[in-house]
Amino acid sequence: MTTRVAIVGGTGKLGAVIRAVTEAEDGFEVVASLSSRDDLSAIGEADLVVDASTPAVSLEVVRAAIEHGVNVLVGTSGWSAERIALVRPLVAASGTGAVFVPNFSLGSVMGTALSAAAAPFFASIEIVEAHRETKIDSPSGTAVRTAELIAAARAGVGPVVAPHVDQRARGQQVASVPVHSLRRPGVVARQEVVLSGPGESLSIVHDTIDPALAYAPGIRLALAAARDARGVHVGLDSFLDIGIRIPDGQPAEPPMDDQVPGQVARVTES
């Protein structure tokens, strides 16, 4: 049976990648590709809505999908835990499924998982994320997700120690973690989590080099998961068994791809 997919934001950079992957995937058919400004009535003809729009309209897209009784896969940035909480009752009442993916890169998911695993052992943790200058929102959804998971992992030891956060140059605190956002040309996406303790520091870095290559395995995984999902799920880690327990993750079957080109992840210690 073919799953009919409507993509909102299908004319954007991420939307174009999602559309190409979806069209090439067996069992899926793109029946509508809308811009972020188009009327949303066409999503009622779909079995799955994929939201790759903008933070300003993403909530409207999710609500429209739920009202039509259609599952939704959200790749738009800007969804914090507080914002997701707004739609949880709507999803539960409708019996649909909503999958929120801050980052389709499997390497990024691994970097976040490693950061959460290390978080209880370091009192000082900060995040530096960089994206191209055209990215609208900051901090990035990936940085917000990472900070929230770091805070959850530290529930037993307390919040991150972050001195002088009253000064604007110290970044924005997300779940007690200072986050610093760079917007500049010459970069696709990069995140560094710096964990520091007495006499040492640990940096966990992920770079996206080619989004089309880096995101494709995660998009395929997310499409299959969102098609059959019930309730709210956050992050690809909800459907992956990566060997590290993420506080609110729900491990499931790993993807078929053994290697993911187009991205570089590294862990350095100094």
Foldseek 3Di string as FASTA:
>chain_A
DAFEEAEEQCVDDVNVLLQVLQCPDPRYDHPYYHYNPDDPPVCLVGQEYEYQYEPVCRVVNCLVCLVSLHFYEYQYKDDAPVNVVVCQVSLQVSQAEYEYALALFPLLVVLLLVLLLCLLVFQAKAKEKEAAQPRDDPPGRSVLVSLVLSLLSNVPPDAHDQPPVVDVVQADARSNHHYHYHHHPPFHIKMWMWGDDVPKIKIKIKGFQDCSQRRSQSSVLSVVQRSPDGGYHYHPQQDDPPVGDGNPHNYHHHTPDPDGPRMDIDMDMD
